[in-house]
Amino acid sequence: MAKLALVYGMRLFPADDLGEVSEAVITLKDGRVARLTMHLIEGNKEQIEETLQQSVEAFFEMYPEIWTLRRT
């Protein structure tokens, strides 16, 4: 399996202060640009933690082929 890199960031703001959440831009070593969709979770601490955990689990479930050991 290839070595992977998970790119993420988190920051808390008062919900009423948010105006817009845009995508992040990542520049790869070869000069290509990749875009990263930013996600917004609102709620109290427990709601945010629960939703974030569900999102992380769902993300990894989207790519089962990456995590499956292949035997030849």
PDB file of N, CA and C in Angstrom:
ATOM      1  N   MET A   1       0.851  -1.178   0.000  1.00  0.00           N
ATOM      2  CA  MET A   1       0.000   0.000   0.000  1.00  0.00           C
ATOM      3  C   MET A   1       0.892   1.235   0.000  1.00  0.00           C
ATOM      4  N   ALA A   2       0.528   2.222  -0.780  1.00  0.00           N
ATOM      5  CA  ALA A   2       1.278   3.472  -0.845  1.00  0.00           C
ATOM      6  C   ALA A   2       1.118   4.246   0.448  1.00  0.00           C
ATOM      7  N   LYS A   3       2.139   5.007   0.792  1.00  0.00           N
ATOM      8  CA  LYS A   3       2.053   5.896   1.947  1.00  0.00           C
ATOM      9  C   LYS A   3       1.106   7.036   1.590  1.00  0.00           C
ATOM     10  N   LEU A   4       0.167   7.332   2.465  1.00  0.00           N
ATOM     11  CA  LEU A   4      -0.848   8.353   2.206  1.00  0.00           C
ATOM     12  C   LEU A   4      -0.651   9.551   3.119  1.00  0.00           C
ATOM     13  N   ALA A   5      -1.279  10.658   2.782  1.00  0.00           N
ATOM     14  CA  ALA A   5      -1.268  11.853   3.622  1.00  0.00           C
ATOM     15  C   ALA A   5      -2.702  12.353   3.749  1.00  0.00           C
ATOM     16  N   LEU A   6      -3.180  12.469   4.972  1.00  0.00           N
ATOM     17  CA  LEU A   6      -4.508  13.015   5.224  1.00  0.00           C
ATOM     18  C   LEU A   6      -4.347  14.488   5.560  1.00  0.00           C
ATOM     19  N   VAL A   7      -4.999  15.350   4.795  1.00  0.00           N
ATOM     20  CA  VAL A   7      -4.917  16.784   5.003  1.00  0.00           C
ATOM     21  C   VAL A   7      -6.211  17.254   5.652  1.00  0.00           C
ATOM     22  N   TYR A   8      -6.097  17.916   6.766  1.00  0.00           N
ATOM     23  CA  TYR A   8      -7.295  18.411   7.434  1.00  0.00           C
ATOM     24  C   TYR A   8      -6.953  19.624   8.284  1.00  0.00           C
ATOM     25  N   GLY A   9      -7.973  20.342   8.691  1.00  0.00           N
ATOM     26  CA  GLY A   9      -7.799  21.485   9.582  1.00  0.00           C
ATOM     27  C   GLY A   9      -9.079  21.723  10.353  1.00  0.00           C
ATOM     28  N   MET A  10      -8.940  22.282  11.539  1.00  0.00           N
ATOM     29  CA  MET A  10     -10.118  22.576  12.349  1.00  0.00           C
ATOM     30  C   MET A  10      -9.914  23.909  13.061  1.00  0.00           C
ATOM     31  N   ARG A  11     -11.002  24.612  13.221  1.00  0.00           N
ATOM     32  CA  ARG A  11     -10.989  25.849  13.979  1.00  0.00           C
ATOM     33  C   ARG A  11     -12.413  26.147  14.409  1.00  0.00           C
ATOM     34  N   LEU A  12     -12.597  26.589  15.634  1.00  0.00           N
ATOM     35  CA  LEU A  12     -13.924  26.936  16.135  1.00  0.00           C
ATOM     36  C   LEU A  12     -14.151  28.435  16.048  1.00  0.00           C
ATOM     37  N   PHE A  13     -15.341  28.814  15.611  1.00  0.00           N
ATOM     38  CA  PHE A  13     -15.786  30.204  15.552  1.00  0.00           C
ATOM     39  C   PHE A  13     -17.178  30.271  16.159  1.00  0.00           C
ATOM     40  N   PRO A  14     -17.576  31.408  16.694  1.00  0.00           N
ATOM     41  CA  PRO A  14     -18.990  31.555  17.050  1.00  0.00           C
ATOM     42  C   PRO A  14     -19.815  31.431  15.769  1.00  0.00           C
ATOM     43  N   ALA A  15     -20.857  30.612  15.791  1.00  0.00           N
ATOM     44  CA  ALA A  15     -21.642  30.330  14.586  1.00  0.00           C
ATOM     45  C   ALA A  15     -22.183  31.607  13.950  1.00  0.00           C
ATOM     46  N   ASP A  16     -22.554  32.576  14.753  1.00  0.00           N
ATOM     47  CA  ASP A  16     -23.118  33.824  14.214  1.00  0.00           C
ATOM     48  C   ASP A  16     -22.086  34.687  13.502  1.00  0.00           C
ATOM     49  N   ASP A  17     -20.801  34.410  13.688  1.00  0.00           N
ATOM     50  CA  ASP A  17     -19.751  35.205  13.043  1.00  0.00           C
ATOM     51  C   ASP A  17     -19.431  34.744  11.635  1.00  0.00           C
ATOM     52  N   LEU A  18     -19.864  33.535  11.259  1.00  0.00           N
ATOM     53  CA  LEU A  18     -19.495  32.993   9.947  1.00  0.00           C
ATOM     54  C   LEU A  18     -20.266  33.668   8.825  1.00  0.00           C
ATOM     55  N   GLY A  19     -19.537  34.013   7.779  1.00  0.00           N
ATOM     56  CA  GLY A  19     -20.172  34.577   6.598  1.00  0.00           C
ATOM     57  C   GLY A  19     -20.175  33.577   5.460  1.00  0.00           C
ATOM     58  N   GLU A  20     -19.027  32.943   5.203  1.00  0.00           N
ATOM     59  CA  GLU A  20     -18.883  32.011   4.084  1.00  0.00           C
ATOM     60  C   GLU A  20     -17.743  31.050   4.382  1.00  0.00           C
ATOM     61  N   VAL A  21     -17.891  29.818   3.966  1.00  0.00           N
ATOM     62  CA  VAL A  21     -16.833  28.823   4.069  1.00  0.00           C
ATOM     63  C   VAL A  21     -16.483  28.412   2.641  1.00  0.00           C
ATOM     64  N   SER A  22     -15.239  28.620   2.253  1.00  0.00           N
ATOM     65  CA  SER A  22     -14.789  28.319   0.891  1.00  0.00           C
ATOM     66  C   SER A  22     -13.881  27.097   0.909  1.00  0.00           C
ATOM     67  N   GLU A  23     -13.507  26.644  -0.277  1.00  0.00           N
ATOM     68  CA  GLU A  23     -12.603  25.511  -0.378  1.00  0.00           C
ATOM     69  C   GLU A  23     -11.169  25.948  -0.095  1.00  0.00           C
ATOM     70  N   ALA A  24     -10.357  24.983   0.302  1.00  0.00           N
ATOM     71  CA  ALA A  24      -8.927  25.233   0.502  1.00  0.00           C
ATOM     72  C   ALA A  24      -8.186  24.783  -0.753  1.00  0.00           C
ATOM     73  N   VAL A  25      -7.042  25.388  -1.009  1.00  0.00           N
ATOM     74  CA  VAL A  25      -6.238  25.044  -2.179  1.00  0.00           C
ATOM     75  C   VAL A  25      -4.937  24.405  -1.700  1.00  0.00           C
ATOM     76  N   ILE A  26      -4.598  23.271  -2.301  1.00  0.00           N
ATOM     77  CA  ILE A  26      -3.381  22.546  -1.969  1.00  0.00           C
ATOM     78  C   ILE A  26      -2.526  22.468  -3.226  1.00  0.00           C
ATOM     79  N   THR A  27      -1.255  22.794  -3.110  1.00  0.00           N
ATOM     80  CA  THR A  27      -0.337  22.693  -4.240  1.00  0.00           C
ATOM     81  C   THR A  27       0.519  21.447  -4.056  1.00  0.00           C
ATOM     82  N   LEU A  28       0.509  20.583  -5.066  1.00  0.00           N
ATOM     83  CA  LEU A  28       1.283  19.347  -5.022  1.00  0.00           C
ATOM     84  C   LEU A  28       2.713  19.615  -5.482  1.00  0.00           C
ATOM     85  N   LYS A  29       3.619  18.709  -5.169  1.00  0.00           N
ATOM     86  CA  LYS A  29       5.031  18.889  -5.519  1.00  0.00           C
ATOM     87  C   LYS A  29       5.255  19.098  -7.008  1.00  0.00           C
ATOM     88  N   ASP A  30       4.407  18.468  -7.833  1.00  0.00           N
ATOM     89  CA  ASP A  30       4.582  18.598  -9.283  1.00  0.00           C
ATOM     90  C   ASP A  30       3.930  19.866  -9.837  1.00  0.00           C
ATOM     91  N   GLY A  31       3.413  20.717  -8.949  1.00  0.00           N
ATOM     92  CA  GLY A  31       2.825  21.980  -9.380  1.00  0.00           C
ATOM     93  C   GLY A  31       1.324  21.942  -9.591  1.00  0.00           C
ATOM     94  N   ARG A  32       0.758  20.727  -9.640  1.00  0.00           N
ATOM     95  CA  ARG A  32      -0.693  20.650  -9.792  1.00  0.00           C
ATOM     96  C   ARG A  32      -1.380  21.203  -8.548  1.00  0.00           C
ATOM     97  N   VAL A  33      -2.587  21.685  -8.738  1.00  0.00           N
ATOM     98  CA  VAL A  33      -3.374  22.237  -7.640  1.00  0.00           C
ATOM     99  C   VAL A  33      -4.548  21.311  -7.362  1.00  0.00           C
ATOM    100  N   ALA A  34      -4.756  21.018  -6.099  1.00  0.00           N
ATOM    101  CA  ALA A  34      -5.900  20.213  -5.676  1.00  0.00           C
ATOM    102  C   ALA A  34      -6.773  21.083  -4.778  1.00  0.00           C
ATOM    103  N   ARG A  35      -8.046  20.840  -4.805  1.00  0.00           N
ATOM    104  CA  ARG A  35      -8.975  21.611  -3.980  1.00  0.00           C
ATOM    105  C   ARG A  35      -9.557  20.702  -2.908  1.00  0.00           C
ATOM    106  N   LEU A  36      -9.741  21.259  -1.748  1.00  0.00           N
ATOM    107  CA  LEU A  36     -10.251  20.526  -0.599  1.00  0.00           C
ATOM    108  C   LEU A  36     -11.529  21.194  -0.128  1.00  0.00           C
ATOM    109  N   THR A  37     -12.618  20.446  -0.165  1.00  0.00           N
ATOM    110  CA  THR A  37     -13.891  20.980   0.288  1.00  0.00           C
ATOM    111  C   THR A  37     -13.868  21.142   1.801  1.00  0.00           C
ATOM    112  N   MET A  38     -14.255  22.297   2.266  1.00  0.00           N
ATOM    113  CA  MET A  38     -14.333  22.550   3.700  1.00  0.00           C
ATOM    114  C   MET A  38     -15.744  22.199   4.163  1.00  0.00           C
ATOM    115  N   HIS A  39     -15.849  21.654   5.355  1.00  0.00           N
ATOM    116  CA  HIS A  39     -17.136  21.250   5.904  1.00  0.00           C
ATOM    117  C   HIS A  39     -17.433  22.068   7.150  1.00  0.00           C
ATOM    118  N   LEU A  40     -18.688  22.327   7.362  1.00  0.00           N
ATOM    119  CA  LEU A  40     -19.126  23.107   8.514  1.00  0.00           C
ATOM    120  C   LEU A  40     -20.036  22.247   9.382  1.00  0.00           C
ATOM    121  N   ILE A  41     -19.717  22.162  10.665  1.00  0.00           N
ATOM    122  CA  ILE A  41     -20.549  21.455  11.634  1.00  0.00           C
ATOM    123  C   ILE A  41     -20.902  22.449  12.730  1.00  0.00           C
ATOM    124  N   GLU A  42     -22.181  22.634  12.967  1.00  0.00           N
ATOM    125  CA  GLU A  42     -22.618  23.554  14.013  1.00  0.00           C
ATOM    126  C   GLU A  42     -23.280  22.774  15.141  1.00  0.00           C
ATOM    127  N   GLY A  43     -23.214  23.279  16.340  1.00  0.00           N
ATOM    128  CA  GLY A  43     -23.856  22.653  17.487  1.00  0.00           C
ATOM    129  C   GLY A  43     -23.040  22.884  18.731  1.00  0.00           C
ATOM    130  N   ASN A  44     -23.419  22.196  19.792  1.00  0.00           N
ATOM    131  CA  ASN A  44     -22.630  22.292  21.012  1.00  0.00           C
ATOM    132  C   ASN A  44     -21.454  21.326  20.914  1.00  0.00           C
ATOM    133  N   LYS A  45     -20.606  21.304  21.924  1.00  0.00           N
ATOM    134  CA  LYS A  45     -19.396  20.478  21.887  1.00  0.00           C
ATOM    135  C   LYS A  45     -19.712  19.013  21.586  1.00  0.00           C
ATOM    136  N   GLU A  46     -20.686  18.459  22.278  1.00  0.00           N
ATOM    137  CA  GLU A  46     -21.025  17.046  22.092  1.00  0.00           C
ATOM    138  C   GLU A  46     -21.551  16.774  20.685  1.00  0.00           C
ATOM    139  N   GLN A  47     -22.393  17.667  20.163  1.00  0.00           N
ATOM    140  CA  GLN A  47     -22.938  17.492  18.816  1.00  0.00           C
ATOM    141  C   GLN A  47     -21.840  17.563  17.765  1.00  0.00           C
ATOM    142  N   ILE A  48     -20.931  18.517  17.939  1.00  0.00           N
ATOM    143  CA  ILE A  48     -19.825  18.658  16.981  1.00  0.00           C
ATOM    144  C   ILE A  48     -18.936  17.424  17.025  1.00  0.00           C
ATOM    145  N   GLU A  49     -18.582  16.958  18.214  1.00  0.00           N
ATOM    146  CA  GLU A  49     -17.733  15.769  18.335  1.00  0.00           C
ATOM    147  C   GLU A  49     -18.381  14.544  17.698  1.00  0.00           C
ATOM    148  N   GLU A  50     -19.669  14.343  17.956  1.00  0.00           N
ATOM    149  CA  GLU A  50     -20.372  13.187  17.407  1.00  0.00           C
ATOM    150  C   GLU A  50     -20.448  13.246  15.884  1.00  0.00           C
ATOM    151  N   THR A  51     -20.796  14.400  15.361  1.00  0.00           N
ATOM    152  CA  THR A  51     -20.905  14.556  13.910  1.00  0.00           C
ATOM    153  C   THR A  51     -19.543  14.417  13.240  1.00  0.00           C
ATOM    154  N   LEU A  52     -18.509  14.973  13.850  1.00  0.00           N
ATOM    155  CA  LEU A  52     -17.160  14.866  13.294  1.00  0.00           C
ATOM    156  C   LEU A  52     -16.717  13.404  13.248  1.00  0.00           C
ATOM    157  N   GLN A  53     -16.965  12.660  14.311  1.00  0.00           N
ATOM    158  CA  GLN A  53     -16.593  11.242  14.341  1.00  0.00           C
ATOM    159  C   GLN A  53     -17.320  10.463  13.248  1.00  0.00           C
ATOM    160  N   GLN A  54     -18.607  10.739  13.075  1.00  0.00           N
ATOM    161  CA  GLN A  54     -19.372  10.071  12.025  1.00  0.00           C
ATOM    162  C   GLN A  54     -18.824  10.420  10.641  1.00  0.00           C
ATOM    163  N   SER A  55     -18.434  11.667  10.457  1.00  0.00           N
ATOM    164  CA  SER A  55     -17.883  12.098   9.166  1.00  0.00           C
ATOM    165  C   SER A  55     -16.564  11.412   8.869  1.00  0.00           C
ATOM    166  N   VAL A  56     -15.705  11.295   9.871  1.00  0.00           N
ATOM    167  CA  VAL A  56     -14.413  10.630   9.681  1.00  0.00           C
ATOM    168  C   VAL A  56     -14.630   9.162   9.330  1.00  0.00           C
ATOM    169  N   GLU A  57     -15.514   8.501  10.052  1.00  0.00           N
ATOM    170  CA  GLU A  57     -15.797   7.093   9.765  1.00  0.00           C
ATOM    171  C   GLU A  57     -16.355   6.919   8.352  1.00  0.00           C
ATOM    172  N   ALA A  58     -17.259   7.790   7.959  1.00  0.00           N
ATOM    173  CA  ALA A  58     -17.845   7.713   6.618  1.00  0.00           C
ATOM    174  C   ALA A  58     -16.795   7.960   5.544  1.00  0.00           C
ATOM    175  N   PHE A  59     -15.866   8.882   5.798  1.00  0.00           N
ATOM    176  CA  PHE A  59     -14.804   9.173   4.829  1.00  0.00           C
ATOM    177  C   PHE A  59     -13.990   7.918   4.540  1.00  0.00           C
ATOM    178  N   PHE A  60     -13.566   7.222   5.583  1.00  0.00           N
ATOM    179  CA  PHE A  60     -12.752   6.032   5.377  1.00  0.00           C
ATOM    180  C   PHE A  60     -13.547   4.890   4.773  1.00  0.00           C
ATOM    181  N   GLU A  61     -14.834   4.839   5.003  1.00  0.00           N
ATOM    182  CA  GLU A  61     -15.676   3.806   4.397  1.00  0.00           C
ATOM    183  C   GLU A  61     -15.841   4.032   2.896  1.00  0.00           C
ATOM    184  N   MET A  62     -15.637   5.254   2.429  1.00  0.00           N
ATOM    185  CA  MET A  62     -15.775   5.558   0.998  1.00  0.00           C
ATOM    186  C   MET A  62     -14.654   4.929   0.183  1.00  0.00           C
ATOM    187  N   TYR A  63     -13.534   4.590   0.810  1.00  0.00           N
ATOM    188  CA  TYR A  63     -12.367   4.082   0.096  1.00  0.00           C
ATOM    189  C   TYR A  63     -11.899   2.745   0.673  1.00  0.00           C
ATOM    190  N   PRO A  64     -12.767   1.727   0.687  1.00  0.00           N
ATOM    191  CA  PRO A  64     -12.364   0.456   1.301  1.00  0.00           C
ATOM    192  C   PRO A  64     -11.174  -0.202   0.599  1.00  0.00           C
ATOM    193  N   GLU A  65     -11.003   0.062  -0.681  1.00  0.00           N
ATOM    194  CA  GLU A  65      -9.899  -0.567  -1.413  1.00  0.00           C
ATOM    195  C   GLU A  65      -8.539  -0.083  -0.920  1.00  0.00           C
ATOM    196  N   ILE A  66      -8.485   1.086  -0.347  1.00  0.00           N
ATOM    197  CA  ILE A  66      -7.210   1.607   0.158  1.00  0.00           C
ATOM    198  C   ILE A  66      -6.792   0.847   1.407  1.00  0.00           C
ATOM    199  N   TRP A  67      -7.727   0.457   2.225  1.00  0.00           N
ATOM    200  CA  TRP A  67      -7.426  -0.110   3.527  1.00  0.00           C
ATOM    201  C   TRP A  67      -7.382  -1.633   3.518  1.00  0.00           C
ATOM    202  N   THR A  68      -7.780  -2.244   2.421  1.00  0.00           N
ATOM    203  CA  THR A  68      -7.774  -3.694   2.344  1.00  0.00           C
ATOM    204  C   THR A  68      -6.384  -4.177   1.936  1.00  0.00           C
ATOM    205  N   LEU A  69      -5.832  -5.080   2.709  1.00  0.00           N
ATOM    206  CA  LEU A  69      -4.532  -5.649   2.339  1.00  0.00           C
ATOM    207  C   LEU A  69      -4.727  -6.575   1.157  1.00  0.00           C
ATOM    208  N   ARG A  70      -3.928  -6.394   0.151  1.00  0.00           N
ATOM    209  CA  ARG A  70      -4.043  -7.220  -1.037  1.00  0.00           C
ATOM    210  C   ARG A  70      -2.987  -8.316  -0.986  1.00  0.00           C
ATOM    211  N   ARG A  71      -3.434  -9.527  -1.106  1.00  0.00           N
ATOM    212  CA  ARG A  71      -2.506 -10.669  -1.089  1.00  0.00           C
ATOM    213  C   ARG A  71      -2.458 -11.272  -2.481  1.00  0.00           C
ATOM    214  N   THR A  72      -1.264 -11.543  -2.924  1.00  0.00           N
ATOM    215  CA  THR A  72      -1.111 -12.146  -4.250  1.00  0.00           C
ATOM    216  C   THR A  72      -0.576 -13.549  -4.140  1.00  0.00           C
TER     217      THR A  72
END
